[in-house]
Amino acid sequence: MSLMKLAQAYRILADEGHGDGTLGHVSLRDPEGRGFWLKRAEIGMDEVACADDFLLVDFDGQVRHGSGDLHSEWPIHAAVLQSQGHIHSIVHTHARNASLLSASQSTIDPLTTEGGYFALDPVQTFEASSAHIDTHESARSMAEFLGGRPAMLVRNHGLVSCGPSIEVATLAALYLERAAALQILALAHPTIFRAARPEQMTGRAMMLKSRRFVEQNFAYYARTGSKPTAVSQHRK
């Protein structure tokens, strides 16, 4: 298990416009089956730097390791991880464009390569029953709605992405936010832009989802983004 890589994911997302004060979170399934790791709630995504910034949370919301406040929407992670055994990492952020698009009747079309990532697994918008997904019931409804897709929008709220690794979940969130930005631009000129047919995007989606591409690009963002002086296992 790599909490250092999880810290990198937080900082990558912050660099790419997913930060929202102390809100937003990325989880990693605990390899020993004890639950999942999540940043403590009192720091921002851009401040995550070491193992001490994480909490080990069980599926009932009990903190088993670490100190600090727990995000109220921890049930998002518990529900998806429990319902999808192959999923090991989940991202929930309030990225600006995804949040705005979630308030419309539109979703992600395959206008570009980023949109093509979701062409075969269309992004849909979940209508939550309350402002926050902070109960077992609402989180289970959300997880059921997500199904086996890599990402979704949450109406008037933000995005959720997931994957079998930290890298996949993180890049899916980046692609969704970028596709949402372009979708919003296209909505202003609906007669000019034309979406590709889903089958035309198969090759691009396969490229973006290939293990080599995912690892190379996650490493690129980790290497070139802002980062603490040293990402260490423990805070000095």
Protein backbone atom coordinates (compact mmCIF):
# COMPACT_ATOMS: atom_id res chain seq x y z
CA MET A 1 0.00 0.00 0.00
CA SER A 2 1.30 3.45 -0.87
CA LEU A 3 0.06 6.37 1.20
CA MET A 4 2.73 8.41 -0.54
CA LYS A 5 0.98 7.76 -3.85
CA LEU A 6 -2.35 8.67 -2.27
CA ALA A 7 -0.80 11.96 -1.10
CA GLN A 8 0.37 12.55 -4.67
CA ALA A 9 -3.18 12.01 -5.95
CA TYR A 10 -4.50 14.69 -3.62
CA ARG A 11 -1.92 17.19 -4.76
CA ILE A 12 -2.42 16.35 -8.46
CA LEU A 13 -6.15 16.97 -8.12
CA ALA A 14 -5.53 20.23 -6.28
CA ASP A 15 -3.12 21.36 -9.00
CA GLU A 16 -5.71 20.54 -11.66
CA GLY A 17 -8.52 22.62 -10.16
CA HIS A 18 -10.29 20.14 -7.89
CA GLY A 19 -9.48 21.89 -4.64
CA ASP A 20 -12.28 23.48 -2.61
CA GLY A 21 -10.89 24.65 0.71
CA THR A 22 -10.70 21.60 2.94
CA LEU A 23 -13.37 19.74 0.95
CA GLY A 24 -12.85 16.90 -1.51
CA HIS A 25 -11.35 13.51 -0.79
CA VAL A 26 -9.67 10.48 -2.34
CA SER A 27 -9.74 7.05 -0.72
CA LEU A 28 -7.62 3.93 -0.90
CA ARG A 29 -8.90 0.50 0.11
CA ASP A 30 -6.89 -0.91 2.99
CA PRO A 31 -5.07 -4.04 1.74
CA GLU A 32 -5.68 -5.79 5.07
CA GLY A 33 -9.44 -5.43 4.73
CA ARG A 34 -9.84 -3.00 7.62
CA GLY A 35 -11.65 -0.34 5.58
CA PHE A 36 -10.09 2.54 3.67
CA TRP A 37 -7.66 5.42 4.02
CA LEU A 38 -8.89 9.02 3.71
CA LYS A 39 -7.31 12.38 4.43
CA ARG A 40 -8.27 14.10 7.67
CA ALA A 41 -10.96 16.70 7.13
CA GLU A 42 -9.23 19.78 8.54
CA ILE A 43 -6.66 20.13 5.74
CA GLY A 44 -6.96 20.91 2.04
CA MET A 45 -6.08 18.55 -0.78
CA ASP A 46 -3.00 20.62 -1.56
CA GLU A 47 -1.74 20.24 2.02
CA VAL A 48 -1.64 16.44 2.12
CA ALA A 49 2.00 15.51 2.51
CA CYS A 50 2.59 12.42 4.65
CA ALA A 51 1.10 9.34 6.28
CA ASP A 52 0.09 11.35 9.34
CA ASP A 53 -2.43 13.22 7.19
CA PHE A 54 -4.55 10.08 6.71
CA LEU A 55 -7.14 8.23 8.74
CA LEU A 56 -7.91 4.53 8.50
CA VAL A 57 -11.71 4.31 8.53
CA ASP A 58 -13.74 1.12 8.75
CA PHE A 59 -16.94 0.59 6.78
CA ASP A 60 -19.02 1.73 9.75
CA GLY A 61 -17.23 5.07 9.92
CA GLN A 62 -15.05 4.30 12.92
CA VAL A 63 -11.52 5.73 12.81
CA ARG A 64 -9.13 2.84 13.44
CA HIS A 65 -5.87 4.68 12.96
CA GLY A 66 -4.76 8.30 12.87
CA SER A 67 -6.07 11.47 14.46
CA GLY A 68 -8.18 14.30 13.13
CA ASP A 69 -11.69 15.01 11.92
CA LEU A 70 -13.46 12.63 9.54
CA HIS A 71 -15.14 13.93 6.39
CA SER A 72 -18.93 13.75 6.73
CA GLU A 73 -19.25 12.15 3.29
CA TRP A 74 -17.07 9.17 4.16
CA PRO A 75 -20.07 6.88 3.35
CA ILE A 76 -19.45 7.56 -0.37
CA HIS A 77 -16.22 5.59 -0.15
CA ALA A 78 -17.58 2.86 2.10
CA ALA A 79 -20.57 2.19 -0.15
CA VAL A 80 -18.66 2.00 -3.43
CA LEU A 81 -15.85 -0.11 -1.99
CA GLN A 82 -18.32 -2.54 -0.44
CA SER A 83 -20.40 -2.85 -3.59
CA GLN A 84 -17.53 -3.07 -6.09
CA GLY A 85 -14.84 -5.50 -5.00
CA HIS A 86 -12.51 -4.61 -7.87
CA ILE A 87 -12.53 -0.91 -6.99
CA HIS A 88 -9.67 0.24 -4.77
CA SER A 89 -9.78 4.04 -5.00
CA ILE A 90 -12.53 6.65 -5.17
CA VAL A 91 -12.41 10.40 -5.82
CA HIS A 92 -15.08 12.90 -4.78
CA THR A 93 -14.47 16.58 -5.55
CA HIS A 94 -16.36 19.79 -6.26
CA ALA A 95 -14.40 20.63 -9.40
CA ARG A 96 -15.88 23.81 -10.89
CA ASN A 97 -16.92 22.67 -14.36
CA ALA A 98 -18.20 19.27 -13.33
CA SER A 99 -20.22 20.91 -10.56
CA LEU A 100 -21.71 23.43 -12.98
CA LEU A 101 -22.51 20.82 -15.62
CA SER A 102 -24.21 18.71 -12.96
CA ALA A 103 -26.79 21.50 -12.62
CA SER A 104 -27.79 21.22 -16.29
CA GLN A 105 -29.69 18.67 -18.31
CA SER A 106 -26.55 17.81 -20.25
CA THR A 107 -23.91 15.23 -19.55
CA ILE A 108 -20.58 14.27 -21.10
CA ASP A 109 -20.57 13.85 -24.88
CA PRO A 110 -17.58 12.45 -26.81
CA LEU A 111 -16.50 15.80 -28.21
CA THR A 112 -12.80 15.24 -27.50
CA THR A 113 -10.44 12.57 -26.25
CA GLU A 114 -11.37 13.31 -22.64
CA GLY A 115 -15.04 12.88 -23.43
CA GLY A 116 -14.21 9.79 -25.42
CA TYR A 117 -12.86 8.18 -22.24
CA PHE A 118 -16.48 7.87 -21.08
CA ALA A 119 -18.04 7.09 -24.46
CA LEU A 120 -18.62 3.40 -23.75
CA ASP A 121 -19.54 3.98 -20.09
CA PRO A 122 -21.65 7.15 -20.26
CA VAL A 123 -21.51 9.59 -17.37
CA GLN A 124 -24.89 10.01 -15.72
CA THR A 125 -26.07 12.46 -13.06
CA PHE A 126 -27.19 11.21 -9.65
CA GLU A 127 -30.00 13.04 -7.89
CA ALA A 128 -29.20 12.91 -4.19
CA SER A 129 -32.05 13.21 -1.70
CA SER A 130 -30.18 15.78 0.39
CA ALA A 131 -27.34 18.28 0.11
CA HIS A 132 -24.74 15.78 1.31
CA ILE A 133 -24.20 12.09 0.80
CA ASP A 134 -23.46 11.45 4.44
CA THR A 135 -25.64 8.48 5.40
CA HIS A 136 -25.41 4.79 4.63
CA GLU A 137 -28.75 4.94 2.83
CA SER A 138 -27.90 7.82 0.50
CA ALA A 139 -24.43 6.41 -0.19
CA ARG A 140 -25.81 2.98 -1.06
CA SER A 141 -28.27 4.59 -3.48
CA MET A 142 -25.40 6.50 -5.05
CA ALA A 143 -23.23 3.38 -5.36
CA GLU A 144 -26.10 1.47 -6.96
CA PHE A 145 -26.63 4.30 -9.44
CA LEU A 146 -22.91 4.40 -10.28
CA GLY A 147 -22.88 0.67 -10.97
CA GLY A 148 -19.83 -0.42 -12.92
CA ARG A 149 -19.16 2.95 -14.56
CA PRO A 150 -15.90 4.82 -13.88
CA ALA A 151 -17.51 8.14 -12.96
CA MET A 152 -20.69 10.12 -12.47
CA LEU A 153 -21.89 13.62 -11.70
CA VAL A 154 -23.86 14.43 -8.55
CA ARG A 155 -26.56 17.02 -9.23
CA ASN A 156 -25.63 20.53 -8.04
CA HIS A 157 -22.71 19.04 -6.15
CA GLY A 158 -19.69 17.64 -7.96
CA LEU A 159 -18.21 14.42 -9.29
CA VAL A 160 -17.32 10.91 -8.22
CA SER A 161 -14.79 8.73 -10.03
CA CYS A 162 -13.36 5.38 -9.15
CA GLY A 163 -10.95 2.73 -10.36
CA PRO A 164 -8.91 -0.34 -9.52
CA SER A 165 -6.00 1.92 -8.55
CA ILE A 166 -5.27 5.41 -7.28
CA GLU A 167 -3.91 6.32 -10.69
CA VAL A 168 -7.03 5.27 -12.61
CA ALA A 169 -9.46 7.00 -10.24
CA THR A 170 -7.41 10.20 -10.28
CA LEU A 171 -7.05 10.42 -14.05
CA ALA A 172 -10.76 9.66 -14.53
CA ALA A 173 -11.55 12.68 -12.35
CA LEU A 174 -9.17 14.84 -14.40
CA TYR A 175 -10.73 13.70 -17.68
CA LEU A 176 -14.26 14.26 -16.38
CA GLU A 177 -13.51 17.83 -15.27
CA ARG A 178 -11.85 18.70 -18.59
CA ALA A 179 -14.63 17.12 -20.60
CA ALA A 180 -17.17 19.05 -18.53
CA ALA A 181 -15.35 22.32 -19.26
CA LEU A 182 -15.45 21.68 -22.99
CA GLN A 183 -19.06 20.53 -22.81
CA ILE A 184 -20.03 23.84 -21.19
CA LEU A 185 -18.27 25.77 -23.96
CA ALA A 186 -20.03 23.69 -26.59
CA LEU A 187 -23.44 24.32 -25.03
CA ALA A 188 -23.08 27.97 -26.03
CA HIS A 189 -22.86 26.95 -29.70
CA PRO A 190 -24.88 23.75 -30.04
CA THR A 191 -25.13 23.91 -33.84
CA ILE A 192 -21.37 24.10 -34.37
CA PHE A 193 -19.98 21.16 -32.41
CA ARG A 194 -20.71 17.53 -33.23
CA ALA A 195 -20.04 14.62 -30.92
CA ALA A 196 -18.32 11.53 -32.22
CA ARG A 197 -20.15 8.24 -32.28
CA PRO A 198 -19.16 6.10 -29.28
CA GLU A 199 -17.60 3.44 -31.48
CA GLN A 200 -15.34 6.07 -33.04
CA MET A 201 -13.83 6.73 -29.61
CA THR A 202 -13.04 3.13 -28.74
CA GLY A 203 -9.38 3.40 -29.72
CA ARG A 204 -8.86 6.60 -27.76
CA ALA A 205 -10.58 5.21 -24.70
CA MET A 206 -8.44 2.09 -24.83
CA MET A 207 -5.30 4.23 -25.05
CA LEU A 208 -6.27 6.38 -22.06
CA LYS A 209 -7.17 3.31 -20.02
CA SER A 210 -4.07 1.28 -20.84
CA ARG A 211 -1.90 0.55 -17.84
CA ARG A 212 1.20 2.05 -19.40
CA PHE A 213 -0.55 5.31 -20.30
CA VAL A 214 -2.15 5.61 -16.86
CA GLU A 215 1.11 5.04 -15.00
CA GLN A 216 3.10 7.37 -17.25
CA ASN A 217 0.62 10.22 -16.97
CA PHE A 218 0.07 9.91 -13.23
CA ALA A 219 3.85 10.00 -12.82
CA TYR A 220 3.99 13.08 -15.06
CA TYR A 221 1.46 14.99 -12.98
CA ALA A 222 3.17 13.94 -9.76
CA ARG A 223 6.55 14.99 -11.15
CA THR A 224 5.57 18.38 -12.55
CA GLY A 225 2.95 19.63 -10.10
CA SER A 226 3.51 21.60 -6.93
CA LYS A 227 4.58 19.42 -4.06
CA PRO A 228 5.87 19.67 -0.50
CA THR A 229 9.60 19.85 0.07
CA ALA A 230 9.55 16.15 0.83
CA VAL A 231 6.68 13.67 0.80
CA SER A 232 7.55 11.50 3.78
CA GLN A 233 5.95 8.65 5.68
CA HIS A 234 5.57 10.78 8.81
CA ARG A 235 5.46 14.47 9.56
CA LYS A 236 8.60 15.74 11.25
